Amino acid sequence: MPRKRATIREVAQATGLSPAAVSYALRGLQVSEETKERVRAAAAELGYEADPIARALASGRTGMIGLLCGSLEDLWQQSLAVGISRGLREKDRYALILDAVGDPARERALAQQLRDQRVDGMIVQPVDPAAPFWPELCESLPVVAIGDSLSGTAGEVVFDNRRGVTLALEHLKGKHHRHIAVLTPTRPSTPDRPADVHVTAEADRLGLDIEVATAPHGLGAATEAAHRILADGRASAVFCFADSIAYGVYAAAAERGLSIPGDISVMGYDDHPMSGLLTPGLTTVDWDIDGIVRAAVRLMCAAADGATRRRRVVQQPTLRERGSVLSLP
């Protein structure tokens, strides 16, 4: 027969304290360190585990944090989700991970579902940061945004996309590339994503001829989009707004018998660990994923615990140069 769950009253009897004092000690509230240690030792010996449903009813908190990803077909976002999930677990919280598959309508529906399920907070990598529902949603629960700024959030870890785009395009110009194809996951329904706006402005400033095309994160779709770019033949380099899209360029180039960087140069934008294993290694923009994870978890836990001060972390990029960009004559 399964062992009966030990109760808080049994822990109280073992320690000679009231159930209320035991509850405070287990939560680290209003008691001495000596009492906390005595209660925790008794609870461990008896095999006591707090009932999560009862704890949620008593505290008004579930311990659950919604993690709404823009698209889990993007390998970098997968790595980010794993890191945040583990980081939250270390803080005694759990991530409920949902995938918007790059669809603004699905993103809105999932965000509202997370709110209705009464998660303690939400971390989001927004597909459509300009969507009008975000301010209202942010009034109903703490939200931490990653990547792009949202109105009304409790905190945000935003990327200095202007600097990231400048690093990439200046690197390509320094290698004498003038005709550059840009592959972005941004859909026509969200044309004002900051990185896409910056790439057009920076190209004009640098005197570059660019062609911007949509390429979904999935390898098959990214490969198909890359085939269209390579068939045109005008671009000497392809700049991808995700390393997972760049992998599609590698696949399409191989299928066409083209060499990288001999026939076409390729750049990425997030330095996924796999990018260093390619042949040649992918030159890309590194956003320090470990730093993003730490900042997002810290901001979310503070907001879920009631912090009212809005905090903003600006993530700075660095260029990770490998062998996928050729210097033209």
Protein backbone atom coordinates (compact mmCIF):
# COMPACT_ATOMS: atom_id res chain seq x y z
CA MET A 1 0.00 0.00 0.00
CA PRO A 2 1.23 3.54 -0.73
CA ARG A 3 2.47 5.42 2.30
CA LYS A 4 0.06 8.00 3.67
CA ARG A 5 1.20 11.60 3.22
CA ALA A 6 2.55 13.06 6.46
CA THR A 7 0.55 16.06 7.70
CA ILE A 8 1.64 19.40 9.01
CA ARG A 9 0.03 18.46 12.36
CA GLU A 10 2.39 15.48 12.64
CA VAL A 11 5.35 17.77 12.04
CA ALA A 12 3.96 20.12 14.69
CA GLN A 13 3.64 17.25 17.20
CA ALA A 14 7.20 16.10 16.48
CA THR A 15 8.61 19.58 17.11
CA GLY A 16 6.30 20.73 19.92
CA LEU A 17 5.17 23.72 17.85
CA SER A 18 1.79 24.83 16.61
CA PRO A 19 0.76 23.99 13.02
CA ALA A 20 0.85 27.72 12.25
CA ALA A 21 4.44 28.01 13.50
CA VAL A 22 5.44 24.98 11.42
CA SER A 23 3.83 26.55 8.36
CA TYR A 24 5.75 29.77 8.93
CA ALA A 25 9.01 27.88 9.41
CA LEU A 26 8.58 25.86 6.23
CA ARG A 27 8.01 29.09 4.31
CA GLY A 28 10.90 30.85 6.04
CA LEU A 29 8.69 33.45 7.74
CA GLN A 30 8.63 35.06 11.21
CA VAL A 31 10.69 32.41 13.06
CA SER A 32 14.32 31.99 14.03
CA GLU A 33 16.86 30.12 11.94
CA GLU A 34 17.11 27.50 14.69
CA THR A 35 13.35 26.87 14.48
CA LYS A 36 13.46 26.69 10.70
CA GLU A 37 16.18 24.05 10.82
CA ARG A 38 14.38 22.02 13.50
CA VAL A 39 11.11 22.04 11.54
CA ARG A 40 12.77 21.19 8.24
CA ALA A 41 14.67 18.31 9.81
CA ALA A 42 11.45 16.90 11.31
CA ALA A 43 9.61 17.32 8.02
CA ALA A 44 12.36 15.48 6.16
CA GLU A 45 12.37 12.64 8.69
CA LEU A 46 8.59 12.24 8.47
CA GLY A 47 8.57 12.57 4.68
CA TYR A 48 6.33 15.63 4.80
CA GLU A 49 5.66 17.37 1.48
CA ALA A 50 3.54 20.47 1.16
CA ASP A 51 0.29 19.88 -0.70
CA PRO A 52 0.66 22.12 -3.79
CA ILE A 53 -3.09 22.66 -4.11
CA ALA A 54 -3.48 23.64 -0.48
CA ARG A 55 -0.43 25.87 -0.67
CA ALA A 56 -1.82 27.59 -3.75
CA LEU A 57 -5.18 28.18 -2.08
CA ALA A 58 -3.54 29.56 1.04
CA SER A 59 -1.04 31.81 -0.71
CA GLY A 60 -2.95 32.72 -3.85
CA ARG A 61 0.02 31.46 -5.87
CA THR A 62 0.41 28.37 -8.02
CA GLY A 63 4.19 28.26 -8.37
CA MET A 64 3.64 28.09 -12.12
CA ILE A 65 5.19 30.57 -14.57
CA GLY A 66 3.92 30.65 -18.13
CA LEU A 67 6.68 30.63 -20.75
CA LEU A 68 5.25 31.68 -24.11
CA CYS A 69 7.76 31.07 -26.90
CA GLY A 70 7.54 32.76 -30.28
CA SER A 71 8.44 29.57 -32.17
CA LEU A 72 10.01 26.42 -30.77
CA GLU A 73 11.09 25.46 -34.27
CA ASP A 74 13.86 27.99 -33.64
CA LEU A 75 16.65 25.99 -31.98
CA TRP A 76 17.87 29.05 -30.07
CA GLN A 77 14.43 29.52 -28.51
CA GLN A 78 14.45 25.84 -27.55
CA SER A 79 17.73 26.39 -25.71
CA LEU A 80 16.31 29.50 -24.06
CA ALA A 81 13.21 27.60 -22.91
CA VAL A 82 15.33 24.82 -21.41
CA GLY A 83 17.52 27.33 -19.57
CA ILE A 84 14.59 29.32 -18.19
CA SER A 85 12.74 26.17 -17.13
CA ARG A 86 15.77 24.96 -15.19
CA GLY A 87 16.40 28.41 -13.73
CA LEU A 88 12.82 28.66 -12.47
CA ARG A 89 13.03 25.16 -10.98
CA GLU A 90 16.04 26.25 -8.94
CA LYS A 91 13.78 28.99 -7.53
CA ASP A 92 11.08 26.44 -6.61
CA ARG A 93 8.89 27.42 -9.55
CA TYR A 94 7.78 25.51 -12.61
CA ALA A 95 7.51 26.57 -16.24
CA LEU A 96 4.42 25.91 -18.30
CA ILE A 97 5.88 26.11 -21.83
CA LEU A 98 3.66 27.01 -24.80
CA ASP A 99 4.54 27.59 -28.45
CA ALA A 100 3.00 30.40 -30.52
CA VAL A 101 4.45 28.83 -33.75
CA GLY A 102 5.17 32.35 -35.06
CA ASP A 103 1.45 33.16 -35.31
CA PRO A 104 0.25 36.46 -33.72
CA ALA A 105 -3.34 35.18 -33.36
CA ARG A 106 -2.16 32.01 -31.61
CA GLU A 107 0.14 34.08 -29.42
CA ARG A 108 -2.79 36.17 -28.22
CA ALA A 109 -4.96 33.13 -27.53
CA LEU A 110 -2.23 31.34 -25.57
CA ALA A 111 -1.33 34.45 -23.56
CA GLN A 112 -4.96 34.83 -22.51
CA GLN A 113 -5.18 31.13 -21.63
CA LEU A 114 -2.15 31.42 -19.37
CA ARG A 115 -3.72 34.42 -17.65
CA ASP A 116 -7.00 32.54 -17.17
CA GLN A 117 -5.14 29.58 -15.67
CA ARG A 118 -3.86 31.99 -13.02
CA VAL A 119 -0.14 31.48 -13.47
CA ASP A 120 1.95 33.60 -11.12
CA GLY A 121 3.54 35.39 -14.05
CA MET A 122 4.51 35.06 -17.70
CA ILE A 123 7.76 35.21 -19.62
CA VAL A 124 7.21 35.89 -23.31
CA GLN A 125 9.28 36.14 -26.47
CA PRO A 126 6.71 38.18 -28.41
CA VAL A 127 5.86 37.45 -32.02
CA ASP A 128 3.94 40.73 -32.32
CA PRO A 129 5.24 43.25 -29.75
CA ALA A 130 2.93 45.95 -31.16
CA ALA A 131 -0.28 43.94 -30.59
CA PRO A 132 -2.86 46.03 -28.67
CA PHE A 133 -3.76 43.28 -26.16
CA TRP A 134 -0.41 43.37 -24.33
CA PRO A 135 -1.04 46.43 -22.07
CA GLU A 136 -4.32 44.98 -20.76
CA LEU A 137 -2.74 41.58 -20.21
CA CYS A 138 0.19 43.13 -18.34
CA GLU A 139 -2.25 44.81 -15.97
CA SER A 140 -3.65 41.42 -14.92
CA LEU A 141 -0.40 39.58 -14.13
CA PRO A 142 3.38 40.18 -14.05
CA VAL A 143 4.93 39.82 -17.51
CA VAL A 144 8.62 39.75 -18.42
CA ALA A 145 9.41 40.22 -22.13
CA ILE A 146 12.50 38.85 -23.86
CA GLY A 147 13.82 40.28 -27.11
CA ASP A 148 11.40 43.11 -27.85
CA SER A 149 9.91 45.69 -25.50
CA LEU A 150 6.23 45.46 -24.50
CA SER A 151 4.07 48.16 -22.95
CA GLY A 152 3.22 47.63 -19.29
CA THR A 153 5.58 44.76 -18.43
CA ALA A 154 7.00 44.17 -14.96
CA GLY A 155 10.40 43.72 -16.57
CA GLU A 156 12.10 43.10 -19.87
CA VAL A 157 15.33 41.74 -21.27
CA VAL A 158 15.62 43.54 -24.59
CA PHE A 159 18.24 43.18 -27.29
CA ASP A 160 20.17 46.12 -28.65
CA ASN A 161 19.05 45.14 -32.14
CA ARG A 162 20.42 48.31 -33.69
CA ARG A 163 23.90 47.35 -32.48
CA GLY A 164 23.42 43.71 -33.52
CA VAL A 165 22.30 44.63 -37.04
CA THR A 166 25.12 47.15 -37.35
CA LEU A 167 27.72 44.55 -36.32
CA ALA A 168 26.44 42.13 -38.96
CA LEU A 169 26.08 44.56 -41.85
CA GLU A 170 29.35 46.38 -41.15
CA HIS A 171 31.10 43.01 -41.08
CA LEU A 172 29.64 42.09 -44.47
CA LYS A 173 30.50 45.50 -45.92
CA GLY A 174 34.03 45.17 -44.56
CA LYS A 175 34.28 41.94 -46.54
CA HIS A 176 33.21 43.93 -49.66
CA HIS A 177 29.68 42.51 -49.94
CA ARG A 178 27.20 44.97 -51.45
CA HIS A 179 24.24 42.80 -52.50
CA ILE A 180 22.84 41.09 -49.40
CA ALA A 181 19.73 38.97 -48.92
CA VAL A 182 18.12 39.20 -45.48
CA LEU A 183 15.98 36.29 -44.26
CA THR A 184 13.66 37.11 -41.35
CA PRO A 185 10.95 35.10 -39.55
CA THR A 186 8.84 38.26 -39.35
CA ARG A 187 5.50 37.89 -41.11
CA PRO A 188 3.68 40.56 -43.11
CA SER A 189 1.28 40.93 -40.15
CA THR A 190 4.12 42.21 -37.92
CA PRO A 191 6.20 44.46 -40.20
CA ASP A 192 7.40 46.79 -37.45
CA ARG A 193 9.69 44.41 -35.57
CA PRO A 194 12.64 46.53 -34.40
CA ALA A 195 15.39 44.37 -35.91
CA ASP A 196 13.76 44.48 -39.34
CA VAL A 197 13.35 48.25 -39.14
CA HIS A 198 17.01 48.63 -38.19
CA VAL A 199 18.27 46.45 -41.04
CA THR A 200 16.65 48.71 -43.63
CA ALA A 201 17.94 51.88 -41.97
CA GLU A 202 21.48 50.52 -41.56
CA ALA A 203 21.60 49.24 -45.13
CA ASP A 204 20.70 52.71 -46.37
CA ARG A 205 23.38 54.27 -44.17
CA LEU A 206 26.04 51.83 -45.37
CA GLY A 207 25.03 52.02 -49.03
CA LEU A 208 24.09 48.34 -49.25
CA ASP A 209 21.62 46.79 -51.66
CA ILE A 210 19.43 44.46 -49.61
CA GLU A 211 16.49 42.19 -50.34
CA VAL A 212 14.35 41.20 -47.34
CA ALA A 213 12.40 37.94 -47.51
CA THR A 214 10.38 35.93 -44.98
CA ALA A 215 11.78 32.56 -43.87
CA PRO A 216 10.05 30.54 -41.12
CA HIS A 217 12.20 28.91 -38.44
CA GLY A 218 11.57 25.29 -39.48
CA LEU A 219 14.44 23.73 -41.44
CA GLY A 220 12.25 22.68 -44.36
CA ALA A 221 10.60 26.08 -44.76
CA ALA A 222 13.90 27.94 -44.25
CA THR A 223 15.56 25.74 -46.88
CA GLU A 224 12.75 26.48 -49.33
CA ALA A 225 13.09 30.23 -48.75
CA ALA A 226 16.87 29.97 -49.19
CA HIS A 227 16.41 28.17 -52.52
CA ARG A 228 14.46 31.16 -53.83
CA ILE A 229 17.24 33.55 -52.79
CA LEU A 230 19.99 31.40 -54.24
CA ALA A 231 18.10 30.88 -57.51
CA ASP A 232 17.98 34.65 -58.00
CA GLY A 233 21.77 34.78 -57.88
CA ARG A 234 22.10 38.52 -57.13
CA ALA A 235 23.17 38.31 -53.49
CA SER A 236 26.75 37.48 -52.57
CA ALA A 237 25.79 37.06 -48.89
CA VAL A 238 22.75 36.02 -46.85
CA PHE A 239 22.13 37.52 -43.39
CA CYS A 240 19.65 35.45 -41.36
CA PHE A 241 17.78 36.73 -38.31
CA ALA A 242 18.16 33.33 -36.63
CA ASP A 243 20.88 30.71 -36.84
CA SER A 244 18.21 28.06 -37.44
CA ILE A 245 17.26 29.92 -40.65
CA ALA A 246 20.93 30.00 -41.64
CA TYR A 247 20.98 26.21 -41.38
CA GLY A 248 18.36 26.23 -44.15
CA VAL A 249 20.75 28.27 -46.30
CA TYR A 250 23.48 25.68 -45.69
CA ALA A 251 21.05 22.92 -46.74
CA ALA A 252 19.88 24.75 -49.87
CA ALA A 253 23.45 25.59 -50.89
CA ALA A 254 24.47 21.94 -50.57
CA GLU A 255 21.50 20.83 -52.65
CA ARG A 256 22.51 23.29 -55.37
CA GLY A 257 26.14 22.30 -55.31
CA LEU A 258 27.21 25.70 -53.96
CA SER A 259 30.03 26.12 -51.47
CA ILE A 260 30.00 28.29 -48.35
CA PRO A 261 31.67 30.76 -48.37
CA GLY A 262 33.16 30.27 -51.85
CA ASP A 263 29.88 30.78 -53.72
CA ILE A 264 27.70 32.38 -51.05
CA SER A 265 28.53 33.90 -47.63
CA VAL A 266 26.18 33.33 -44.71
CA MET A 267 25.64 35.08 -41.35
CA GLY A 268 23.37 34.21 -38.42
CA TYR A 269 22.04 36.17 -35.46
CA ASP A 270 21.99 34.23 -32.19
CA ASP A 271 25.01 31.90 -31.92
CA HIS A 272 23.26 28.60 -31.23
CA PRO A 273 25.79 25.98 -29.98
CA MET A 274 25.34 23.96 -33.18
CA SER A 275 26.61 26.89 -35.27
CA GLY A 276 30.20 26.20 -34.27
CA LEU A 277 29.90 22.58 -35.45
CA LEU A 278 28.97 23.39 -39.03
CA THR A 279 31.51 23.23 -41.87
CA PRO A 280 32.46 26.00 -42.14
CA GLY A 281 31.44 27.38 -38.76
CA LEU A 282 28.71 30.01 -38.94
CA THR A 283 29.67 33.64 -38.38
CA THR A 284 26.91 35.05 -36.20
CA VAL A 285 25.87 37.58 -33.56
CA ASP A 286 26.10 36.29 -29.99
CA TRP A 287 23.50 37.53 -27.48
CA ASP A 288 24.81 35.62 -24.42
CA ILE A 289 21.94 33.19 -23.86
CA ASP A 290 23.11 32.33 -20.32
CA GLY A 291 22.95 35.99 -19.34
CA ILE A 292 19.46 36.31 -20.82
CA VAL A 293 18.26 33.28 -18.84
CA ARG A 294 19.65 34.62 -15.57
CA ALA A 295 18.15 38.08 -16.10
CA ALA A 296 14.71 36.78 -17.14
CA VAL A 297 14.46 34.38 -14.20
CA ARG A 298 15.59 37.06 -11.75
CA LEU A 299 13.11 39.64 -13.04
CA MET A 300 10.25 37.13 -13.16
CA CYS A 301 10.78 35.84 -9.63
CA ALA A 302 11.00 39.37 -8.26
CA ALA A 303 7.80 40.39 -10.05
CA ALA A 304 5.94 37.24 -8.96
CA ASP A 305 6.97 37.97 -5.36
CA GLY A 306 5.37 41.39 -5.56
CA ALA A 307 8.13 43.75 -6.66
CA THR A 308 6.54 46.83 -8.21
CA ARG A 309 9.60 48.51 -9.70
CA ARG A 310 9.80 47.94 -13.46
CA ARG A 311 13.24 46.71 -14.45
CA ARG A 312 14.87 46.71 -17.87
CA VAL A 313 17.98 44.82 -18.93
CA VAL A 314 19.53 45.69 -22.30
CA GLN A 315 21.48 42.79 -23.76
CA GLN A 316 24.53 43.80 -25.78
CA PRO A 317 25.71 41.68 -28.74
CA THR A 318 29.15 40.54 -29.81
CA LEU A 319 30.28 39.31 -33.22
CA ARG A 320 31.29 35.64 -33.35
CA GLU A 321 33.43 35.36 -36.48
CA ARG A 322 33.95 31.90 -37.93
CA GLY A 323 34.44 30.80 -41.53
CA SER A 324 31.15 31.35 -43.36
CA VAL A 325 31.89 34.83 -44.76
CA LEU A 326 34.32 35.28 -47.62
CA SER A 327 36.15 38.53 -48.28
CA LEU A 328 35.44 39.54 -51.87
CA PRO A 329 38.07 41.22 -54.09
